[in-house]
Amino acid sequence: MSELQTAPVPRRNFELLLLVLALGVGFAAFYLVGSATDEVDHTDFIVEMSILSGLALLLHVLLRIFAKYSDPVILPITVALNSLGLAMIHRIDLSRSTEQSFRQLIWTGIAMLIAAVVLWALRDHRNLRRFTYIALLVSILLLLLPMIPKLGVTINGARIWVRVAGFSLQPGELAKITLSIFFAGYLSSNRDLILMAGRKFGPMQFPRMRDMAPMVIAWLVSIGVLVVQRDLGSSILFFGLFIVMIYVATARISWVVIGLLMVVVGGLFAATTMSHVTRRLNTWINAFDPEVYHAQGGSMQIVEGLFGMADGGLVGTGLGNGSPYRVPLANSDMIIASFGEELGLIGLAAILMLFLLLVTRGMRAALGSRDTFGKLLATGLSFTLALQCLVIVGGVTRLIPLTGLATPFMAAGGSSLLANWIIVALLLLISHNSRRPMSGSVGPTDEVATPGAASTKAVKTK
């Protein structure tokens, strides 16, 4: 009997084709915006799309060199979302005579260049496991930075920003990456300890009290973010991230049940004792109350966003033909409502489908990863994108209270762009390592011997 090794296919040409289509979506969006608003000078449009195209091709070339077996769909989807966000921010700038789109372009360039550095310098995601506890220290530092006097600033009631050399940064956006690295490293190293038998209630096996320390710490950190920084969105994101990763590590539903109970306790505590949470709940429940609508920090942007999406209907008013500028923060917190008005339900559903595809490709990389650390890291990073979209869309449509999270790759904000492009670079590396041909020996950090989906073997029997 002899074995014939079927080599994985890099599929970089397919990625290039999708990348051209993604850039075409951006070009079309900018053209429609300029046509609808009678914009005469197309310099901004040409410059922005040329820079984005050049950076996208740079990343594509780097993938051909350093990660040629990476997922061919992740980069084109990200470029499409980023270009649509730039087009919408440019459209709102034309109505308000602002220059937010130029700042967004600068941050896009910085974010994509740093993603390129990650691809070039890291090569193998497993190297990050060495920095498990350093990642924890960096996470704590990032969360504490906004609390430093003269460095941290309060914007819209939340103290989650730092101002350096005239630039405002949100360190918590980077903390979601370092926390994912810490959780992945800790859970992959201590999985057997966490799985120690505890009490059994019905069909569920609950952990011992001593093994619940990591979840309690994560819960306290989330409550601390909510109390000190007054940031509901980040609090939900951090604790939700830990629940998902510990469930993936242990496959025990009991951890999810305990986590949800802690969420309920924390939510009741916040709703009854924290004025900013109470006010946000009141704004959500009584959004159409005239007093709430006209109050400072009230429900005006939620209501206007709902009316804008209703005006867009099924097919939308067309890019440049609506009035999303009536909504406060239309280019950041409420950019989903802006797309809902001008692209309609169909266009908004297409955008959400792109996010769904991006998350599923990240999860596919997690499933194919040959090591536990990679599985957990890809799962955590993918889940941060999924939870952000869920919280944002739920808030804009008034399904849940509106939070301050930014729509990945689309909303105005440099910190979010930077963090999410780094996430994309890490997912590309993990997918590359899961699909590349297996070497003759297993490395010291490989804990799972299951080969990736792309490393198939054709067996020929004589």
Protein backbone atom coordinates (compact mmCIF):
# COMPACT_ATOMS: atom_id res chain seq x y z
CA MET A 1 0.00 0.00 0.00
CA SER A 2 1.33 3.46 -0.86
CA GLU A 3 0.12 6.92 0.04
CA LEU A 4 -0.18 9.82 -2.32
CA GLN A 5 -0.14 13.21 -0.59
CA THR A 6 -2.62 15.64 -2.13
CA ALA A 7 -1.11 19.12 -1.76
CA PRO A 8 -3.41 21.90 -0.55
CA VAL A 9 -4.27 24.52 -3.15
CA PRO A 10 -3.18 28.09 -2.22
CA ARG A 11 -6.11 29.71 -4.11
CA ARG A 12 -4.41 33.11 -4.23
CA ASN A 13 -5.63 33.75 -7.78
CA PHE A 14 -9.19 33.23 -6.59
CA GLU A 15 -8.51 35.73 -3.80
CA LEU A 16 -7.21 38.25 -6.36
CA LEU A 17 -10.40 37.88 -8.40
CA LEU A 18 -12.55 38.44 -5.31
CA LEU A 19 -10.37 41.39 -4.33
CA VAL A 20 -10.98 43.05 -7.69
CA LEU A 21 -14.73 42.55 -7.21
CA ALA A 22 -14.54 43.98 -3.67
CA LEU A 23 -12.71 47.07 -4.90
CA GLY A 24 -15.25 47.36 -7.67
CA VAL A 25 -17.97 47.58 -5.01
CA GLY A 26 -16.09 50.47 -3.42
CA PHE A 27 -15.61 52.26 -6.75
CA ALA A 28 -19.32 51.86 -7.55
CA ALA A 29 -20.34 53.19 -4.13
CA PHE A 30 -18.14 56.28 -4.49
CA TYR A 31 -19.41 56.88 -8.03
CA LEU A 32 -23.05 56.70 -6.92
CA VAL A 33 -22.37 59.09 -4.04
CA GLY A 34 -20.70 61.60 -6.35
CA SER A 35 -23.41 61.31 -9.02
CA ALA A 36 -26.29 61.77 -6.58
CA THR A 37 -24.77 64.80 -4.85
CA ASP A 38 -23.54 66.59 -7.99
CA GLU A 39 -19.98 66.43 -6.80
CA VAL A 40 -17.77 68.04 -9.45
CA ASP A 41 -14.34 67.38 -7.96
CA HIS A 42 -13.65 63.64 -7.91
CA THR A 43 -10.13 64.01 -6.50
CA ASP A 44 -11.06 62.65 -3.06
CA PHE A 45 -12.78 59.66 -4.63
CA ILE A 46 -9.79 58.81 -6.83
CA VAL A 47 -7.25 59.30 -4.04
CA GLU A 48 -9.14 57.25 -1.45
CA MET A 49 -9.83 54.30 -3.73
CA SER A 50 -6.29 54.35 -5.17
CA ILE A 51 -4.74 54.20 -1.70
CA LEU A 52 -7.14 51.47 -0.57
CA SER A 53 -6.47 49.46 -3.75
CA GLY A 54 -2.71 49.76 -3.34
CA LEU A 55 -2.80 48.64 0.29
CA ALA A 56 -5.15 45.76 -0.51
CA LEU A 57 -2.82 44.53 -3.26
CA LEU A 58 0.14 44.87 -0.86
CA LEU A 59 -1.60 42.56 1.62
CA HIS A 60 -2.43 40.18 -1.21
CA VAL A 61 1.24 40.01 -2.25
CA LEU A 62 2.32 39.43 1.37
CA LEU A 63 -0.16 36.58 1.62
CA ARG A 64 1.33 35.02 -1.51
CA ILE A 65 4.74 35.14 0.17
CA PHE A 66 4.12 34.45 3.87
CA ALA A 67 0.67 32.86 4.11
CA LYS A 68 -0.16 31.40 0.71
CA TYR A 69 -2.53 28.77 2.15
CA SER A 70 -4.64 31.28 4.08
CA ASP A 71 -8.39 31.63 3.51
CA PRO A 72 -8.94 33.40 0.15
CA VAL A 73 -12.25 35.01 1.18
CA ILE A 74 -11.32 36.89 4.38
CA LEU A 75 -9.30 39.71 2.80
CA PRO A 76 -11.78 40.55 -0.03
CA ILE A 77 -14.73 40.68 2.40
CA THR A 78 -12.81 42.99 4.72
CA VAL A 79 -11.79 45.29 1.85
CA ALA A 80 -15.41 45.44 0.61
CA LEU A 81 -16.71 46.42 4.06
CA ASN A 82 -13.94 48.99 4.54
CA SER A 83 -14.56 50.58 1.13
CA LEU A 84 -18.31 50.80 1.74
CA GLY A 85 -17.65 52.48 5.07
CA LEU A 86 -15.33 55.02 3.42
CA ALA A 87 -17.96 55.75 0.75
CA MET A 88 -20.73 56.34 3.32
CA ILE A 89 -18.53 58.55 5.51
CA HIS A 90 -17.56 60.54 2.39
CA ARG A 91 -21.26 60.87 1.52
CA ILE A 92 -22.07 62.28 4.98
CA ASP A 93 -19.07 64.61 4.76
CA LEU A 94 -20.52 66.15 1.59
CA SER A 95 -23.73 66.99 3.49
CA ARG A 96 -22.02 68.36 6.59
CA SER A 97 -18.92 69.95 5.01
CA THR A 98 -16.62 67.89 7.24
CA GLU A 99 -13.46 65.91 6.51
CA GLN A 100 -14.00 62.76 8.52
CA SER A 101 -13.50 60.56 5.46
CA PHE A 102 -9.92 61.82 5.05
CA ARG A 103 -9.13 60.96 8.68
CA GLN A 104 -10.77 57.58 8.17
CA LEU A 105 -8.57 57.02 5.13
CA ILE A 106 -5.45 57.81 7.17
CA TRP A 107 -6.49 55.33 9.85
CA THR A 108 -7.30 52.75 7.18
CA GLY A 109 -3.80 53.10 5.79
CA ILE A 110 -2.22 52.82 9.23
CA ALA A 111 -4.37 49.79 10.12
CA MET A 112 -3.64 47.93 6.89
CA LEU A 113 0.11 48.63 7.15
CA ILE A 114 0.16 47.30 10.72
CA ALA A 115 -1.76 44.22 9.53
CA ALA A 116 0.95 43.78 6.89
CA VAL A 117 3.62 44.02 9.60
CA VAL A 118 1.80 41.35 11.62
CA LEU A 119 1.77 39.02 8.60
CA TRP A 120 5.46 39.64 7.95
CA ALA A 121 6.75 39.53 11.53
CA LEU A 122 4.60 36.87 13.20
CA ARG A 123 4.42 34.10 10.54
CA ASP A 124 3.06 31.54 13.04
CA HIS A 125 0.24 32.34 15.46
CA ARG A 126 1.56 29.79 17.97
CA ASN A 127 4.39 32.16 18.85
CA LEU A 128 1.81 34.31 20.64
CA ARG A 129 1.30 31.59 23.23
CA ARG A 130 4.64 32.51 24.80
CA PHE A 131 3.17 35.87 25.76
CA THR A 132 0.05 34.59 27.54
CA TYR A 133 0.60 36.41 30.81
CA ILE A 134 2.28 39.38 29.15
CA ALA A 135 -0.95 39.74 27.16
CA LEU A 136 -2.86 39.84 30.46
CA LEU A 137 -0.62 42.62 31.80
CA VAL A 138 -0.96 44.56 28.55
CA SER A 139 -4.76 44.16 28.74
CA ILE A 140 -4.84 45.58 32.26
CA LEU A 141 -2.63 48.47 31.18
CA LEU A 142 -4.82 49.24 28.17
CA LEU A 143 -7.98 49.25 30.31
CA LEU A 144 -6.36 51.51 32.92
CA LEU A 145 -4.92 54.06 30.48
CA PRO A 146 -8.14 56.11 30.15
CA MET A 147 -8.24 56.53 33.94
CA ILE A 148 -4.88 58.34 34.04
CA PRO A 149 -5.38 62.08 34.65
CA LYS A 150 -4.56 64.38 31.71
CA LEU A 151 -4.29 61.35 29.43
CA GLY A 152 -7.79 59.91 29.53
CA VAL A 153 -10.75 61.93 28.26
CA THR A 154 -14.51 61.51 28.65
CA ILE A 155 -16.52 61.52 25.41
CA ASN A 156 -20.31 61.09 25.36
CA GLY A 157 -20.26 60.12 29.04
CA ALA A 158 -17.78 57.23 28.68
CA ARG A 159 -14.17 57.46 29.84
CA ILE A 160 -12.69 55.02 27.36
CA TRP A 161 -10.46 57.34 25.36
CA VAL A 162 -6.92 58.64 25.62
CA ARG A 163 -5.63 61.67 23.75
CA VAL A 164 -2.05 61.63 22.49
CA ALA A 165 -0.56 64.31 20.20
CA GLY A 166 -4.00 65.46 19.13
CA PHE A 167 -5.22 61.93 18.29
CA SER A 168 -7.94 60.19 20.30
CA LEU A 169 -7.48 56.46 20.80
CA GLN A 170 -9.66 53.82 22.44
CA PRO A 171 -7.31 51.33 24.15
CA GLY A 172 -10.17 48.93 24.89
CA GLU A 173 -10.35 48.07 21.18
CA LEU A 174 -6.84 46.64 21.37
CA ALA A 175 -7.60 45.02 24.73
CA LYS A 176 -10.07 42.65 23.07
CA ILE A 177 -7.13 41.21 21.08
CA THR A 178 -4.76 40.88 24.03
CA LEU A 179 -7.54 39.39 26.17
CA SER A 180 -8.25 36.85 23.42
CA ILE A 181 -4.56 35.88 23.41
CA PHE A 182 -4.54 35.54 27.21
CA PHE A 183 -7.77 33.52 27.37
CA ALA A 184 -6.59 31.22 24.55
CA GLY A 185 -3.21 30.65 26.19
CA TYR A 186 -4.60 30.16 29.70
CA LEU A 187 -7.45 27.84 28.70
CA SER A 188 -5.29 25.71 26.38
CA SER A 189 -2.73 25.23 29.18
CA ASN A 190 -5.19 24.67 32.04
CA ARG A 191 -7.97 22.83 30.23
CA ASP A 192 -7.47 19.60 32.18
CA LEU A 193 -7.58 21.45 35.51
CA ILE A 194 -10.78 23.28 34.53
CA LEU A 195 -12.36 19.98 33.48
CA MET A 196 -11.87 18.47 36.95
CA ALA A 197 -15.09 16.82 38.10
CA GLY A 198 -17.47 18.83 40.24
CA ARG A 199 -21.03 18.42 41.38
CA LYS A 200 -23.54 17.00 38.96
CA PHE A 201 -27.07 18.42 38.77
CA GLY A 202 -29.24 16.52 36.36
CA PRO A 203 -27.54 16.12 32.99
CA MET A 204 -25.03 18.95 33.63
CA GLN A 205 -21.65 18.66 35.33
CA PHE A 206 -20.80 21.86 37.17
CA PRO A 207 -17.19 22.84 37.97
CA ARG A 208 -15.69 23.00 41.42
CA MET A 209 -15.77 26.38 43.16
CA ARG A 210 -11.99 26.69 43.08
CA ASP A 211 -12.01 26.28 39.28
CA MET A 212 -14.43 29.17 38.80
CA ALA A 213 -11.81 31.80 39.70
CA PRO A 214 -11.09 32.76 36.03
CA MET A 215 -14.78 33.37 35.30
CA VAL A 216 -15.23 35.40 38.50
CA ILE A 217 -12.20 37.52 37.58
CA ALA A 218 -13.53 38.09 34.05
CA TRP A 219 -16.92 39.04 35.53
CA LEU A 220 -15.34 41.51 37.96
CA VAL A 221 -13.29 43.08 35.15
CA SER A 222 -16.47 43.54 33.07
CA ILE A 223 -18.29 45.10 36.02
CA GLY A 224 -15.27 47.33 36.63
CA VAL A 225 -15.34 48.56 33.03
CA LEU A 226 -19.05 49.28 33.40
CA VAL A 227 -18.68 51.13 36.72
CA VAL A 228 -15.44 53.04 36.21
CA GLN A 229 -15.40 53.67 32.46
CA ARG A 230 -19.20 53.73 32.04
CA ASP A 231 -18.88 51.60 28.89
CA LEU A 232 -21.72 49.09 28.55
CA GLY A 233 -20.64 47.79 25.15
CA SER A 234 -17.09 46.83 26.13
CA SER A 235 -18.34 45.25 29.36
CA ILE A 236 -20.67 42.96 27.39
CA LEU A 237 -17.94 42.19 24.85
CA PHE A 238 -15.24 41.19 27.34
CA PHE A 239 -17.39 38.88 29.44
CA GLY A 240 -19.14 37.37 26.42
CA LEU A 241 -15.73 36.66 24.91
CA PHE A 242 -14.65 34.68 27.98
CA ILE A 243 -17.89 32.67 28.16
CA VAL A 244 -17.59 31.58 24.54
CA MET A 245 -13.92 30.66 24.80
CA ILE A 246 -14.30 28.63 27.99
CA TYR A 247 -17.27 26.79 26.45
CA VAL A 248 -15.19 25.96 23.36
CA ALA A 249 -12.31 24.79 25.60
CA THR A 250 -14.45 22.56 27.84
CA ALA A 251 -17.57 21.75 25.74
CA ARG A 252 -19.60 22.04 28.95
CA ILE A 253 -22.89 23.90 28.82
CA SER A 254 -22.67 24.39 32.59
CA TRP A 255 -20.12 27.17 32.08
CA VAL A 256 -22.57 29.01 29.81
CA VAL A 257 -25.36 28.61 32.39
CA ILE A 258 -23.13 29.99 35.15
CA GLY A 259 -22.03 32.84 32.89
CA LEU A 260 -25.60 33.78 32.02
CA LEU A 261 -26.56 33.76 35.69
CA MET A 262 -23.65 36.11 36.41
CA VAL A 263 -24.80 38.34 33.54
CA VAL A 264 -28.28 38.52 35.08
CA VAL A 265 -26.84 39.39 38.50
CA GLY A 266 -24.53 42.02 37.01
CA GLY A 267 -27.32 43.43 34.86
CA LEU A 268 -29.72 43.80 37.80
CA PHE A 269 -26.98 45.41 39.88
CA ALA A 270 -26.13 47.87 37.09
CA ALA A 271 -29.77 48.70 36.30
CA THR A 272 -30.60 49.51 39.93
CA THR A 273 -27.42 51.26 41.08
CA MET A 274 -25.77 52.93 38.05
CA SER A 275 -27.45 56.06 36.75
CA HIS A 276 -25.91 55.87 33.27
CA VAL A 277 -27.19 52.31 32.78
CA THR A 278 -30.64 53.28 34.10
CA ARG A 279 -30.74 56.23 31.71
CA ARG A 280 -29.75 54.04 28.79
CA LEU A 281 -32.49 51.53 29.62
CA ASN A 282 -35.04 54.35 29.90
CA THR A 283 -33.93 55.70 26.52
CA TRP A 284 -34.43 52.25 25.02
CA ILE A 285 -37.83 51.49 26.55
CA ASN A 286 -39.35 54.99 26.21
CA ALA A 287 -37.63 56.05 23.02
CA PHE A 288 -40.75 57.68 21.54
CA ASP A 289 -41.58 59.65 24.68
CA PRO A 290 -41.19 63.39 23.75
CA GLU A 291 -39.34 64.14 26.97
CA VAL A 292 -36.88 61.31 26.39
CA TYR A 293 -36.55 62.25 22.72
CA HIS A 294 -35.60 65.89 23.44
CA ALA A 295 -33.47 65.20 26.53
CA GLN A 296 -29.70 65.66 26.32
CA GLY A 297 -28.27 62.27 25.37
CA GLY A 298 -31.82 61.05 24.78
CA SER A 299 -33.37 58.89 22.12
CA MET A 300 -33.32 61.31 19.19
CA GLN A 301 -30.65 59.43 17.23
CA ILE A 302 -32.40 56.08 17.78
CA VAL A 303 -35.78 57.41 16.63
CA GLU A 304 -34.35 59.31 13.67
CA GLY A 305 -32.41 56.22 12.66
CA LEU A 306 -35.57 54.11 12.77
CA PHE A 307 -37.48 56.63 10.66
CA GLY A 308 -34.58 56.78 8.20
CA MET A 309 -34.55 52.99 7.77
CA ALA A 310 -38.33 53.01 7.39
CA ASP A 311 -37.98 55.65 4.67
CA GLY A 312 -35.43 53.44 2.91
CA GLY A 313 -37.88 50.58 2.74
CA LEU A 314 -36.94 47.50 0.74
CA VAL A 315 -34.53 48.93 -1.86
CA GLY A 316 -33.47 52.22 -0.23
CA THR A 317 -33.38 55.79 -1.46
CA GLY A 318 -30.06 55.25 -3.25
CA LEU A 319 -26.58 56.29 -2.15
CA GLY A 320 -26.51 60.07 -1.85
CA ASN A 321 -30.30 60.48 -2.15
CA GLY A 322 -31.34 60.01 1.48
CA SER A 323 -30.86 62.21 4.53
CA PRO A 324 -28.77 60.16 7.00
CA TYR A 325 -27.06 63.38 8.11
CA ARG A 326 -30.18 64.12 10.18
CA VAL A 327 -29.08 61.40 12.60
CA PRO A 328 -26.43 62.35 15.18
CA LEU A 329 -23.26 60.24 14.84
CA ALA A 330 -24.50 59.03 11.45
CA ASN A 331 -20.95 58.17 10.37
CA SER A 332 -19.98 56.27 13.52
CA ASP A 333 -22.44 54.75 16.01
CA MET A 334 -25.39 54.97 13.60
CA ILE A 335 -23.73 54.13 10.29
CA ILE A 336 -25.84 50.96 10.03
CA ALA A 337 -28.97 53.15 10.04
CA SER A 338 -27.39 55.30 7.30
CA PHE A 339 -26.90 52.23 5.12
CA GLY A 340 -30.41 51.03 5.96
CA GLU A 341 -31.88 54.28 4.65
CA GLU A 342 -29.92 54.55 1.41
CA LEU A 343 -29.51 50.87 0.52
CA GLY A 344 -32.76 49.61 2.04
CA LEU A 345 -33.43 46.26 3.64
CA ILE A 346 -31.86 44.38 0.73
CA GLY A 347 -28.60 46.36 0.87
CA LEU A 348 -28.40 46.15 4.66
CA ALA A 349 -29.03 42.41 4.51
CA ALA A 350 -26.18 42.10 1.99
CA ILE A 351 -23.82 43.94 4.37
CA LEU A 352 -24.85 41.71 7.27
CA MET A 353 -24.30 38.68 5.03
CA LEU A 354 -20.73 39.86 4.43
CA PHE A 355 -20.19 40.04 8.18
CA LEU A 356 -21.70 36.57 8.57
CA LEU A 357 -19.37 35.16 5.91
CA LEU A 358 -16.37 36.82 7.58
CA VAL A 359 -17.25 35.32 10.97
CA THR A 360 -17.89 31.86 9.52
CA ARG A 361 -14.55 31.88 7.68
CA GLY A 362 -12.88 32.74 10.98
CA MET A 363 -14.71 29.86 12.66
CA ARG A 364 -13.65 27.60 9.81
CA ALA A 365 -10.05 28.53 10.52
CA ALA A 366 -10.66 27.62 14.17
CA LEU A 367 -12.09 24.22 13.24
CA GLY A 368 -9.15 23.45 10.97
CA SER A 369 -6.44 24.57 13.41
CA ARG A 370 -4.11 21.78 14.52
CA ASP A 371 -3.47 23.21 17.99
CA THR A 372 -5.82 24.09 20.82
CA PHE A 373 -4.37 27.58 21.20
CA GLY A 374 -5.14 28.36 17.56
CA LYS A 375 -8.66 26.98 17.84
CA LEU A 376 -9.43 29.12 20.87
CA LEU A 377 -7.75 32.25 19.50
CA ALA A 378 -9.57 32.09 16.14
CA THR A 379 -12.85 31.42 17.93
CA GLY A 380 -12.37 34.36 20.28
CA LEU A 381 -11.36 36.78 17.55
CA SER A 382 -14.25 35.71 15.30
CA PHE A 383 -16.69 35.99 18.18
CA THR A 384 -15.63 39.58 18.93
CA LEU A 385 -16.64 40.55 15.38
CA ALA A 386 -19.92 38.63 15.66
CA LEU A 387 -20.87 40.07 19.05
CA GLN A 388 -20.03 43.61 17.95
CA CYS A 389 -22.33 43.29 14.93
CA LEU A 390 -25.10 41.76 17.05
CA VAL A 391 -24.93 44.50 19.69
CA ILE A 392 -24.70 47.31 17.13
CA VAL A 393 -27.53 46.14 14.87
CA GLY A 394 -29.66 45.26 17.90
CA GLY A 395 -29.16 48.75 19.32
CA VAL A 396 -29.84 50.59 16.06
CA THR A 397 -33.05 48.60 15.46
CA ARG A 398 -34.07 49.06 19.14
CA LEU A 399 -34.00 45.35 19.83
CA ILE A 400 -31.63 45.99 22.75
CA PRO A 401 -30.25 49.19 24.35
CA LEU A 402 -27.85 51.13 22.15
CA THR A 403 -24.18 50.84 23.17
CA GLY A 404 -21.04 52.63 22.08
CA LEU A 405 -19.48 49.82 20.06
CA ALA A 406 -18.38 50.63 16.52
CA THR A 407 -19.40 48.70 13.41
CA PRO A 408 -16.25 46.79 12.37
CA PHE A 409 -14.42 48.27 9.34
CA MET A 410 -17.28 50.66 8.53
CA ALA A 411 -17.83 53.16 11.36
CA ALA A 412 -15.64 56.23 11.70
CA GLY A 413 -12.96 55.59 14.31
CA GLY A 414 -9.29 54.75 14.05
CA SER A 415 -9.00 52.51 17.11
CA SER A 416 -11.68 50.13 15.85
CA LEU A 417 -10.15 49.97 12.36
CA LEU A 418 -6.69 49.26 13.77
CA ALA A 419 -7.88 46.49 16.10
CA ASN A 420 -10.10 44.79 13.54
CA TRP A 421 -7.45 44.77 10.81
CA ILE A 422 -5.05 43.12 13.27
CA ILE A 423 -7.79 40.54 13.95
CA VAL A 424 -8.04 39.87 10.21
CA ALA A 425 -4.26 39.41 9.97
CA LEU A 426 -4.30 36.90 12.84
CA LEU A 427 -7.22 34.97 11.31
CA LEU A 428 -5.34 34.80 8.01
CA LEU A 429 -2.28 33.38 9.76
CA ILE A 430 -4.32 30.80 11.66
CA SER A 431 -6.13 29.71 8.49
CA HIS A 432 -2.77 29.42 6.69
CA ASN A 433 -1.32 27.20 9.42
CA SER A 434 -4.45 25.04 9.42
CA ARG A 435 -4.34 24.43 5.65
CA ARG A 436 -0.65 24.23 4.85
CA PRO A 437 0.95 20.81 4.27
CA MET A 438 1.87 19.00 7.48
CA SER A 439 5.58 18.67 8.15
CA GLY A 440 7.17 15.39 9.05
CA SER A 441 7.25 16.15 12.79
CA VAL A 442 4.82 17.81 15.14
CA GLY A 443 6.07 21.02 16.74
CA PRO A 444 6.25 21.47 20.52
CA THR A 445 3.21 23.71 20.60
CA ASP A 446 1.02 21.37 18.57
CA GLU A 447 -1.44 19.84 21.01
CA VAL A 448 -4.01 18.44 18.64
CA ALA A 449 -2.88 15.92 16.07
CA THR A 450 -6.03 16.24 13.96
CA PRO A 451 -5.00 17.44 10.52
CA GLY A 452 -6.69 20.43 8.93
CA ALA A 453 -9.46 20.08 6.39
CA ALA A 454 -7.10 20.99 3.56
CA SER A 455 -4.44 18.41 4.52
CA THR A 456 -6.17 15.44 2.98
CA LYS A 457 -4.64 12.17 1.96
CA ALA A 458 -5.48 10.07 -1.02
CA VAL A 459 -4.84 6.41 -0.37
CA LYS A 460 -4.19 4.16 -3.32
CA THR A 461 -4.38 0.42 -2.71
CA LYS A 462 -2.54 -1.96 -4.95
